[in-house]
Structures are given as structure tokens and as C-alpha cells.
Amino acid sequence: MIEISKKTYVEALNRLASTDDGKIVLAAIMESVGWNNTTLSSDDPIKTQFFAVKRGVYGAIRSDIKAEHLKKIEFNYMLTHDIKNKNTGK
């Protein structure tokens, strides 16, 4: 088993975030967890918690990305409708 330190993880994440492919993948993760959406369900607090936890996944990742990469990921990349719409099966 390979042990990965926090430092090794952060360095690898930022190498990934510095590439165009990495920015695309991280932008897709950001979109898929609904990072830019706030979902409050008045009829089901479990749904509210579920969506908050999903957003928390990207939040944990983004906390280790350098600001110079994060700005590009979050402001320069917009996923097309076919990627956003995960329910089409296409």
C-alpha cells in the first residue's frame, strides 16, 4: 500500500489543477456536486443535508487548490448542457 501525505496530495492536486485537463475535470466535479447551487428542501430536511454534503466534497478538494488555479476553474470553465444533464443517459 502506498501512503500519501497531505503535502504529497496537495502538490499532486495542484499539478492537476494547473493543467487544462485537470481544470476540466475539477470543473465537472464542481458542477456535478452542485457547488454553485443552494438547495433547501422545506418538506425534507434530509434532502437539504444530502445536497450540503455533496457540495462539501468539492469544498474539501477546493480548500487545497491554489487560488491562481481555483479562479480559472471556477470562473473560466462552463460545462455545456449535455454534460450538466446527467439524466439523459446519453
PDB file of N, CA and C in Angstrom:
ATOM      1  N   MET A   1       0.850  -1.179   0.000  1.00  0.00           N
ATOM      2  CA  MET A   1       0.000   0.000   0.000  1.00  0.00           C
ATOM      3  C   MET A   1       0.890   1.236   0.000  1.00  0.00           C
ATOM      4  N   ILE A   2       0.525   2.218  -0.803  1.00  0.00           N
ATOM      5  CA  ILE A   2       1.269   3.478  -0.874  1.00  0.00           C
ATOM      6  C   ILE A   2       0.637   4.469   0.099  1.00  0.00           C
ATOM      7  N   GLU A   3       1.455   5.000   0.985  1.00  0.00           N
ATOM      8  CA  GLU A   3       0.969   6.009   1.919  1.00  0.00           C
ATOM      9  C   GLU A   3       1.146   7.383   1.283  1.00  0.00           C
ATOM     10  N   ILE A   4       0.116   8.204   1.389  1.00  0.00           N
ATOM     11  CA  ILE A   4       0.132   9.531   0.781  1.00  0.00           C
ATOM     12  C   ILE A   4      -0.015  10.567   1.880  1.00  0.00           C
ATOM     13  N   SER A   5       0.969  11.437   1.988  1.00  0.00           N
ATOM     14  CA  SER A   5       0.900  12.503   2.984  1.00  0.00           C
ATOM     15  C   SER A   5       0.025  13.641   2.454  1.00  0.00           C
ATOM     16  N   LYS A   6      -0.399  14.489   3.348  1.00  0.00           N
ATOM     17  CA  LYS A   6      -1.193  15.661   2.961  1.00  0.00           C
ATOM     18  C   LYS A   6      -0.398  16.518   1.979  1.00  0.00           C
ATOM     19  N   LYS A   7       0.880  16.699   2.239  1.00  0.00           N
ATOM     20  CA  LYS A   7       1.733  17.510   1.363  1.00  0.00           C
ATOM     21  C   LYS A   7       1.788  16.912  -0.041  1.00  0.00           C
ATOM     22  N   THR A   8       1.955  15.601  -0.126  1.00  0.00           N
ATOM     23  CA  THR A   8       2.011  14.925  -1.423  1.00  0.00           C
ATOM     24  C   THR A   8       0.692  15.083  -2.165  1.00  0.00           C
ATOM     25  N   TYR A   9      -0.413  14.925  -1.431  1.00  0.00           N
ATOM     26  CA  TYR A   9      -1.747  15.089  -2.024  1.00  0.00           C
ATOM     27  C   TYR A   9      -1.942  16.505  -2.568  1.00  0.00           C
ATOM     28  N   VAL A  10      -1.622  17.502  -1.768  1.00  0.00           N
ATOM     29  CA  VAL A  10      -1.820  18.899  -2.172  1.00  0.00           C
ATOM     30  C   VAL A  10      -0.954  19.225  -3.387  1.00  0.00           C
ATOM     31  N   GLU A  11       0.276  18.764  -3.395  1.00  0.00           N
ATOM     32  CA  GLU A  11       1.150  19.011  -4.545  1.00  0.00           C
ATOM     33  C   GLU A  11       0.589  18.348  -5.804  1.00  0.00           C
ATOM     34  N   ALA A  12       0.122  17.109  -5.685  1.00  0.00           N
ATOM     35  CA  ALA A  12      -0.453  16.399  -6.838  1.00  0.00           C
ATOM     36  C   ALA A  12      -1.725  17.085  -7.322  1.00  0.00           C
ATOM     37  N   LEU A  13      -2.570  17.497  -6.401  1.00  0.00           N
ATOM     38  CA  LEU A  13      -3.815  18.186  -6.749  1.00  0.00           C
ATOM     39  C   LEU A  13      -3.521  19.483  -7.498  1.00  0.00           C
ATOM     40  N   ASN A  14      -2.536  20.223  -7.061  1.00  0.00           N
ATOM     41  CA  ASN A  14      -2.211  21.481  -7.722  1.00  0.00           C
ATOM     42  C   ASN A  14      -1.514  21.276  -9.060  1.00  0.00           C
ATOM     43  N   ARG A  15      -0.764  20.190  -9.214  1.00  0.00           N
ATOM     44  CA  ARG A  15      -0.222  19.868 -10.541  1.00  0.00           C
ATOM     45  C   ARG A  15      -1.375  19.573 -11.489  1.00  0.00           C
ATOM     46  N   LEU A  16      -2.358  18.810 -11.001  1.00  0.00           N
ATOM     47  CA  LEU A  16      -3.552  18.508 -11.796  1.00  0.00           C
ATOM     48  C   LEU A  16      -4.300  19.793 -12.137  1.00  0.00           C
ATOM     49  N   ALA A  17      -4.508  20.646 -11.140  1.00  0.00           N
ATOM     50  CA  ALA A  17      -5.266  21.882 -11.327  1.00  0.00           C
ATOM     51  C   ALA A  17      -4.559  22.864 -12.247  1.00  0.00           C
ATOM     52  N   SER A  18      -3.264  22.700 -12.443  1.00  0.00           N
ATOM     53  CA  SER A  18      -2.524  23.616 -13.310  1.00  0.00           C
ATOM     54  C   SER A  18      -2.641  23.250 -14.789  1.00  0.00           C
ATOM     55  N   THR A  19      -3.202  22.075 -15.094  1.00  0.00           N
ATOM     56  CA  THR A  19      -3.338  21.643 -16.485  1.00  0.00           C
ATOM     57  C   THR A  19      -4.753  21.915 -16.990  1.00  0.00           C
ATOM     58  N   ASP A  20      -4.892  22.051 -18.303  1.00  0.00           N
ATOM     59  CA  ASP A  20      -6.229  22.246 -18.877  1.00  0.00           C
ATOM     60  C   ASP A  20      -7.125  21.051 -18.597  1.00  0.00           C
ATOM     61  N   ASP A  21      -6.593  19.839 -18.744  1.00  0.00           N
ATOM     62  CA  ASP A  21      -7.396  18.640 -18.467  1.00  0.00           C
ATOM     63  C   ASP A  21      -7.832  18.600 -17.009  1.00  0.00           C
ATOM     64  N   GLY A  22      -6.942  18.952 -16.119  1.00  0.00           N
ATOM     65  CA  GLY A  22      -7.285  18.978 -14.698  1.00  0.00           C
ATOM     66  C   GLY A  22      -8.366  19.987 -14.389  1.00  0.00           C
ATOM     67  N   LYS A  23      -8.275  21.149 -15.011  1.00  0.00           N
ATOM     68  CA  LYS A  23      -9.300  22.176 -14.799  1.00  0.00           C
ATOM     69  C   LYS A  23     -10.665  21.696 -15.301  1.00  0.00           C
ATOM     70  N   ILE A  24     -10.668  21.006 -16.418  1.00  0.00           N
ATOM     71  CA  ILE A  24     -11.929  20.465 -16.948  1.00  0.00           C
ATOM     72  C   ILE A  24     -12.527  19.453 -15.983  1.00  0.00           C
ATOM     73  N   VAL A  25     -11.713  18.551 -15.486  1.00  0.00           N
ATOM     74  CA  VAL A  25     -12.201  17.516 -14.555  1.00  0.00           C
ATOM     75  C   VAL A  25     -12.690  18.156 -13.261  1.00  0.00           C
ATOM     76  N   LEU A  26     -11.933  19.084 -12.714  1.00  0.00           N
ATOM     77  CA  LEU A  26     -12.347  19.728 -11.468  1.00  0.00           C
ATOM     78  C   LEU A  26     -13.601  20.579 -11.662  1.00  0.00           C
ATOM     79  N   ALA A  27     -13.731  21.238 -12.823  1.00  0.00           N
ATOM     80  CA  ALA A  27     -14.958  21.997 -13.111  1.00  0.00           C
ATOM     81  C   ALA A  27     -16.159  21.058 -13.219  1.00  0.00           C
ATOM     82  N   ALA A  28     -15.944  19.880 -13.801  1.00  0.00           N
ATOM     83  CA  ALA A  28     -17.036  18.894 -13.916  1.00  0.00           C
ATOM     84  C   ALA A  28     -17.443  18.379 -12.535  1.00  0.00           C
ATOM     85  N   ILE A  29     -16.472  18.153 -11.663  1.00  0.00           N
ATOM     86  CA  ILE A  29     -16.793  17.727 -10.290  1.00  0.00           C
ATOM     87  C   ILE A  29     -17.573  18.836  -9.599  1.00  0.00           C
ATOM     88  N   MET A  30     -17.104  20.076  -9.748  1.00  0.00           N
ATOM     89  CA  MET A  30     -17.783  21.218  -9.136  1.00  0.00           C
ATOM     90  C   MET A  30     -19.246  21.279  -9.576  1.00  0.00           C
ATOM     91  N   GLU A  31     -19.471  21.098 -10.869  1.00  0.00           N
ATOM     92  CA  GLU A  31     -20.833  21.139 -11.401  1.00  0.00           C
ATOM     93  C   GLU A  31     -21.665  19.957 -10.913  1.00  0.00           C
ATOM     94  N   SER A  32     -21.067  18.773 -10.901  1.00  0.00           N
ATOM     95  CA  SER A  32     -21.840  17.567 -10.556  1.00  0.00           C
ATOM     96  C   SER A  32     -22.289  17.539  -9.100  1.00  0.00           C
ATOM     97  N   VAL A  33     -21.561  18.234  -8.216  1.00  0.00           N
ATOM     98  CA  VAL A  33     -21.982  18.265  -6.813  1.00  0.00           C
ATOM     99  C   VAL A  33     -22.844  19.488  -6.507  1.00  0.00           C
ATOM    100  N   GLY A  34     -23.102  20.316  -7.532  1.00  0.00           N
ATOM    101  CA  GLY A  34     -23.962  21.481  -7.338  1.00  0.00           C
ATOM    102  C   GLY A  34     -23.330  22.571  -6.501  1.00  0.00           C
ATOM    103  N   TRP A  35     -22.018  22.770  -6.668  1.00  0.00           N
ATOM    104  CA  TRP A  35     -21.293  23.747  -5.855  1.00  0.00           C
ATOM    105  C   TRP A  35     -21.937  25.134  -5.896  1.00  0.00           C
ATOM    106  N   ASN A  36     -22.410  25.556  -7.028  1.00  0.00           N
ATOM    107  CA  ASN A  36     -22.976  26.898  -7.167  1.00  0.00           C
ATOM    108  C   ASN A  36     -24.464  26.962  -6.859  1.00  0.00           C
ATOM    109  N   ASN A  37     -25.034  25.883  -6.370  1.00  0.00           N
ATOM    110  CA  ASN A  37     -26.466  25.838  -6.067  1.00  0.00           C
ATOM    111  C   ASN A  37     -26.687  25.694  -4.566  1.00  0.00           C
ATOM    112  N   THR A  38     -27.677  26.374  -4.071  1.00  0.00           N
ATOM    113  CA  THR A  38     -28.103  26.173  -2.695  1.00  0.00           C
ATOM    114  C   THR A  38     -29.456  25.490  -2.753  1.00  0.00           C
ATOM    115  N   THR A  39     -29.549  24.322  -2.168  1.00  0.00           N
ATOM    116  CA  THR A  39     -30.791  23.571  -2.212  1.00  0.00           C
ATOM    117  C   THR A  39     -31.321  23.407  -0.795  1.00  0.00           C
ATOM    118  N   LEU A  40     -32.454  24.036  -0.544  1.00  0.00           N
ATOM    119  CA  LEU A  40     -33.138  23.893   0.738  1.00  0.00           C
ATOM    120  C   LEU A  40     -34.479  23.237   0.478  1.00  0.00           C
ATOM    121  N   SER A  41     -34.728  22.160   1.157  1.00  0.00           N
ATOM    122  CA  SER A  41     -35.982  21.446   0.984  1.00  0.00           C
ATOM    123  C   SER A  41     -36.829  21.617   2.235  1.00  0.00           C
ATOM    124  N   SER A  42     -37.907  22.359   2.107  1.00  0.00           N
ATOM    125  CA  SER A  42     -38.747  22.599   3.275  1.00  0.00           C
ATOM    126  C   SER A  42     -39.516  21.354   3.692  1.00  0.00           C
ATOM    127  N   ASP A  43     -39.738  20.447   2.743  1.00  0.00           N
ATOM    128  CA  ASP A  43     -40.506  19.252   3.077  1.00  0.00           C
ATOM    129  C   ASP A  43     -39.620  18.088   3.523  1.00  0.00           C
ATOM    130  N   ASP A  44     -38.309  18.166   3.288  1.00  0.00           N
ATOM    131  CA  ASP A  44     -37.439  17.045   3.658  1.00  0.00           C
ATOM    132  C   ASP A  44     -36.046  17.555   4.043  1.00  0.00           C
ATOM    133  N   PRO A  45     -35.812  17.735   5.346  1.00  0.00           N
ATOM    134  CA  PRO A  45     -34.501  18.235   5.783  1.00  0.00           C
ATOM    135  C   PRO A  45     -33.352  17.284   5.442  1.00  0.00           C
ATOM    136  N   ILE A  46     -33.654  16.013   5.233  1.00  0.00           N
ATOM    137  CA  ILE A  46     -32.618  15.059   4.849  1.00  0.00           C
ATOM    138  C   ILE A  46     -32.081  15.406   3.459  1.00  0.00           C
ATOM    139  N   LYS A  47     -32.964  15.842   2.557  1.00  0.00           N
ATOM    140  CA  LYS A  47     -32.522  16.267   1.223  1.00  0.00           C
ATOM    141  C   LYS A  47     -31.593  17.477   1.325  1.00  0.00           C
ATOM    142  N   THR A  48     -31.945  18.427   2.175  1.00  0.00           N
ATOM    143  CA  THR A  48     -31.101  19.601   2.371  1.00  0.00           C
ATOM    144  C   THR A  48     -29.717  19.170   2.842  1.00  0.00           C
ATOM    145  N   GLN A  49     -29.674  18.272   3.792  1.00  0.00           N
ATOM    146  CA  GLN A  49     -28.404  17.784   4.323  1.00  0.00           C
ATOM    147  C   GLN A  49     -27.632  17.023   3.244  1.00  0.00           C
ATOM    148  N   PHE A  50     -28.321  16.204   2.462  1.00  0.00           N
ATOM    149  CA  PHE A  50     -27.680  15.436   1.393  1.00  0.00           C
ATOM    150  C   PHE A  50     -26.973  16.358   0.404  1.00  0.00           C
ATOM    151  N   PHE A  51     -27.662  17.402  -0.050  1.00  0.00           N
ATOM    152  CA  PHE A  51     -27.067  18.319  -1.014  1.00  0.00           C
ATOM    153  C   PHE A  51     -25.911  19.106  -0.397  1.00  0.00           C
ATOM    154  N   ALA A  52     -26.015  19.439   0.880  1.00  0.00           N
ATOM    155  CA  ALA A  52     -24.916  20.135   1.558  1.00  0.00           C
ATOM    156  C   ALA A  52     -23.681  19.239   1.643  1.00  0.00           C
ATOM    157  N   VAL A  53     -23.884  17.965   1.920  1.00  0.00           N
ATOM    158  CA  VAL A  53     -22.763  17.026   1.999  1.00  0.00           C
ATOM    159  C   VAL A  53     -22.124  16.854   0.629  1.00  0.00           C
ATOM    160  N   LYS A  54     -22.947  16.772  -0.433  1.00  0.00           N
ATOM    161  CA  LYS A  54     -22.404  16.685  -1.791  1.00  0.00           C
ATOM    162  C   LYS A  54     -21.516  17.889  -2.095  1.00  0.00           C
ATOM    163  N   ARG A  55     -21.994  19.073  -1.786  1.00  0.00           N
ATOM    164  CA  ARG A  55     -21.193  20.275  -2.020  1.00  0.00           C
ATOM    165  C   ARG A  55     -19.925  20.259  -1.175  1.00  0.00           C
ATOM    166  N   GLY A  56     -20.021  19.657  -0.012  1.00  0.00           N
ATOM    167  CA  GLY A  56     -18.864  19.572   0.877  1.00  0.00           C
ATOM    168  C   GLY A  56     -17.711  18.776   0.295  1.00  0.00           C
ATOM    169  N   VAL A  57     -18.017  17.830  -0.578  1.00  0.00           N
ATOM    170  CA  VAL A  57     -16.965  17.043  -1.224  1.00  0.00           C
ATOM    171  C   VAL A  57     -16.066  17.965  -2.041  1.00  0.00           C
ATOM    172  N   TYR A  58     -16.660  18.793  -2.885  1.00  0.00           N
ATOM    173  CA  TYR A  58     -15.861  19.726  -3.675  1.00  0.00           C
ATOM    174  C   TYR A  58     -15.222  20.769  -2.766  1.00  0.00           C
ATOM    175  N   GLY A  59     -15.930  21.190  -1.735  1.00  0.00           N
ATOM    176  CA  GLY A  59     -15.379  22.165  -0.800  1.00  0.00           C
ATOM    177  C   GLY A  59     -14.094  21.676  -0.155  1.00  0.00           C
ATOM    178  N   ALA A  60     -14.056  20.400   0.175  1.00  0.00           N
ATOM    179  CA  ALA A  60     -12.848  19.821   0.765  1.00  0.00           C
ATOM    180  C   ALA A  60     -11.702  19.803  -0.242  1.00  0.00           C
ATOM    181  N   ILE A  61     -12.016  19.488  -1.484  1.00  0.00           N
ATOM    182  CA  ILE A  61     -10.992  19.472  -2.535  1.00  0.00           C
ATOM    183  C   ILE A  61     -10.496  20.887  -2.804  1.00  0.00           C
ATOM    184  N   ARG A  62     -11.429  21.815  -2.970  1.00  0.00           N
ATOM    185  CA  ARG A  62     -11.061  23.182  -3.361  1.00  0.00           C
ATOM    186  C   ARG A  62     -10.236  23.884  -2.299  1.00  0.00           C
ATOM    187  N   SER A  63     -10.373  23.485  -1.038  1.00  0.00           N
ATOM    188  CA  SER A  63      -9.603  24.138   0.027  1.00  0.00           C
ATOM    189  C   SER A  63      -8.098  23.915  -0.123  1.00  0.00           C
ATOM    190  N   ASP A  64      -7.712  22.930  -0.921  1.00  0.00           N
ATOM    191  CA  ASP A  64      -6.295  22.636  -1.127  1.00  0.00           C
ATOM    192  C   ASP A  64      -5.771  23.077  -2.491  1.00  0.00           C
ATOM    193  N   ILE A  65      -6.612  23.739  -3.283  1.00  0.00           N
ATOM    194  CA  ILE A  65      -6.191  24.211  -4.603  1.00  0.00           C
ATOM    195  C   ILE A  65      -5.728  25.661  -4.476  1.00  0.00           C
ATOM    196  N   LYS A  66      -4.585  25.956  -5.074  1.00  0.00           N
ATOM    197  CA  LYS A  66      -4.073  27.329  -5.047  1.00  0.00           C
ATOM    198  C   LYS A  66      -5.068  28.273  -5.721  1.00  0.00           C
ATOM    199  N   ALA A  67      -5.148  29.490  -5.188  1.00  0.00           N
ATOM    200  CA  ALA A  67      -6.102  30.486  -5.685  1.00  0.00           C
ATOM    201  C   ALA A  67      -5.936  30.750  -7.173  1.00  0.00           C
ATOM    202  N   GLU A  68      -4.705  30.762  -7.650  1.00  0.00           N
ATOM    203  CA  GLU A  68      -4.466  31.052  -9.073  1.00  0.00           C
ATOM    204  C   GLU A  68      -5.135  30.014  -9.972  1.00  0.00           C
ATOM    205  N   HIS A  69      -5.174  28.759  -9.542  1.00  0.00           N
ATOM    206  CA  HIS A  69      -5.837  27.706 -10.320  1.00  0.00           C
ATOM    207  C   HIS A  69      -7.344  27.727 -10.080  1.00  0.00           C
ATOM    208  N   LEU A  70      -7.721  27.948  -8.830  1.00  0.00           N
ATOM    209  CA  LEU A  70      -9.130  27.917  -8.451  1.00  0.00           C
ATOM    210  C   LEU A  70      -9.937  28.979  -9.196  1.00  0.00           C
ATOM    211  N   LYS A  71      -9.388  30.156  -9.344  1.00  0.00           N
ATOM    212  CA  LYS A  71     -10.084  31.232 -10.066  1.00  0.00           C
ATOM    213  C   LYS A  71     -10.374  30.815 -11.504  1.00  0.00           C
ATOM    214  N   LYS A  72      -9.408  30.184 -12.134  1.00  0.00           N
ATOM    215  CA  LYS A  72      -9.597  29.744 -13.519  1.00  0.00           C
ATOM    216  C   LYS A  72     -10.644  28.633 -13.599  1.00  0.00           C
ATOM    217  N   ILE A  73     -10.588  27.687 -12.674  1.00  0.00           N
ATOM    218  CA  ILE A  73     -11.533  26.558 -12.669  1.00  0.00           C
ATOM    219  C   ILE A  73     -12.957  27.067 -12.476  1.00  0.00           C
ATOM    220  N   GLU A  74     -13.137  27.945 -11.518  1.00  0.00           N
ATOM    221  CA  GLU A  74     -14.490  28.355 -11.135  1.00  0.00           C
ATOM    222  C   GLU A  74     -15.067  29.483 -11.978  1.00  0.00           C
ATOM    223  N   PHE A  75     -14.223  30.221 -12.691  1.00  0.00           N
ATOM    224  CA  PHE A  75     -14.738  31.362 -13.453  1.00  0.00           C
ATOM    225  C   PHE A  75     -14.499  31.271 -14.954  1.00  0.00           C
ATOM    226  N   ASN A  76     -13.592  30.418 -15.391  1.00  0.00           N
ATOM    227  CA  ASN A  76     -13.271  30.354 -16.820  1.00  0.00           C
ATOM    228  C   ASN A  76     -13.839  29.130 -17.524  1.00  0.00           C
ATOM    229  N   TYR A  77     -14.413  28.207 -16.798  1.00  0.00           N
ATOM    230  CA  TYR A  77     -14.917  26.976 -17.407  1.00  0.00           C
ATOM    231  C   TYR A  77     -16.412  26.863 -17.158  1.00  0.00           C
ATOM    232  N   MET A  78     -17.171  26.631 -18.243  1.00  0.00           N
ATOM    233  CA  MET A  78     -18.607  26.422 -18.121  1.00  0.00           C
ATOM    234  C   MET A  78     -18.947  25.144 -18.878  1.00  0.00           C
ATOM    235  N   LEU A  79     -19.569  24.219 -18.182  1.00  0.00           N
ATOM    236  CA  LEU A  79     -19.919  22.956 -18.816  1.00  0.00           C
ATOM    237  C   LEU A  79     -21.117  23.142 -19.731  1.00  0.00           C
ATOM    238  N   THR A  80     -21.112  22.439 -20.845  1.00  0.00           N
ATOM    239  CA  THR A  80     -22.228  22.514 -21.778  1.00  0.00           C
ATOM    240  C   THR A  80     -23.412  21.725 -21.228  1.00  0.00           C
ATOM    241  N   HIS A  81     -24.559  21.968 -21.800  1.00  0.00           N
ATOM    242  CA  HIS A  81     -25.798  21.356 -21.320  1.00  0.00           C
ATOM    243  C   HIS A  81     -25.718  19.826 -21.331  1.00  0.00           C
ATOM    244  N   ASP A  82     -25.073  19.245 -22.326  1.00  0.00           N
ATOM    245  CA  ASP A  82     -25.023  17.780 -22.408  1.00  0.00           C
ATOM    246  C   ASP A  82     -24.232  17.176 -21.263  1.00  0.00           C
ATOM    247  N   ILE A  83     -23.291  17.899 -20.711  1.00  0.00           N
ATOM    248  CA  ILE A  83     -22.542  17.389 -19.553  1.00  0.00           C
ATOM    249  C   ILE A  83     -23.340  17.633 -18.280  1.00  0.00           C
ATOM    250  N   LYS A  84     -24.006  18.779 -18.183  1.00  0.00           N
ATOM    251  CA  LYS A  84     -24.784  19.102 -16.985  1.00  0.00           C
ATOM    252  C   LYS A  84     -25.959  18.165 -16.797  1.00  0.00           C
ATOM    253  N   ASN A  85     -26.614  17.785 -17.907  1.00  0.00           N
ATOM    254  CA  ASN A  85     -27.821  16.985 -17.808  1.00  0.00           C
ATOM    255  C   ASN A  85     -27.442  15.499 -17.697  1.00  0.00           C
ATOM    256  N   LYS A  86     -27.315  15.050 -16.478  1.00  0.00           N
ATOM    257  CA  LYS A  86     -26.864  13.682 -16.227  1.00  0.00           C
ATOM    258  C   LYS A  86     -27.973  12.650 -16.376  1.00  0.00           C
ATOM    259  N   ASN A  87     -29.212  13.081 -16.487  1.00  0.00           N
ATOM    260  CA  ASN A  87     -30.342  12.148 -16.508  1.00  0.00           C
ATOM    261  C   ASN A  87     -30.731  11.684 -17.901  1.00  0.00           C
ATOM    262  N   THR A  88     -30.034  12.144 -18.918  1.00  0.00           N
ATOM    263  CA  THR A  88     -30.440  11.785 -20.272  1.00  0.00           C
ATOM    264  C   THR A  88     -29.941  10.404 -20.676  1.00  0.00           C
ATOM    265  N   GLY A  89     -28.869   9.931 -20.041  1.00  0.00           N
ATOM    266  CA  GLY A  89     -28.327   8.630 -20.390  1.00  0.00           C
ATOM    267  C   GLY A  89     -27.557   8.642 -21.705  1.00  0.00           C
ATOM    268  N   LYS A  90     -27.277   9.825 -22.223  1.00  0.00           N
ATOM    269  CA  LYS A  90     -26.557   9.953 -23.495  1.00  0.00           C
ATOM    270  C   LYS A  90     -25.117  10.304 -23.253  1.00  0.00           C
TER     271      LYS A  90
END
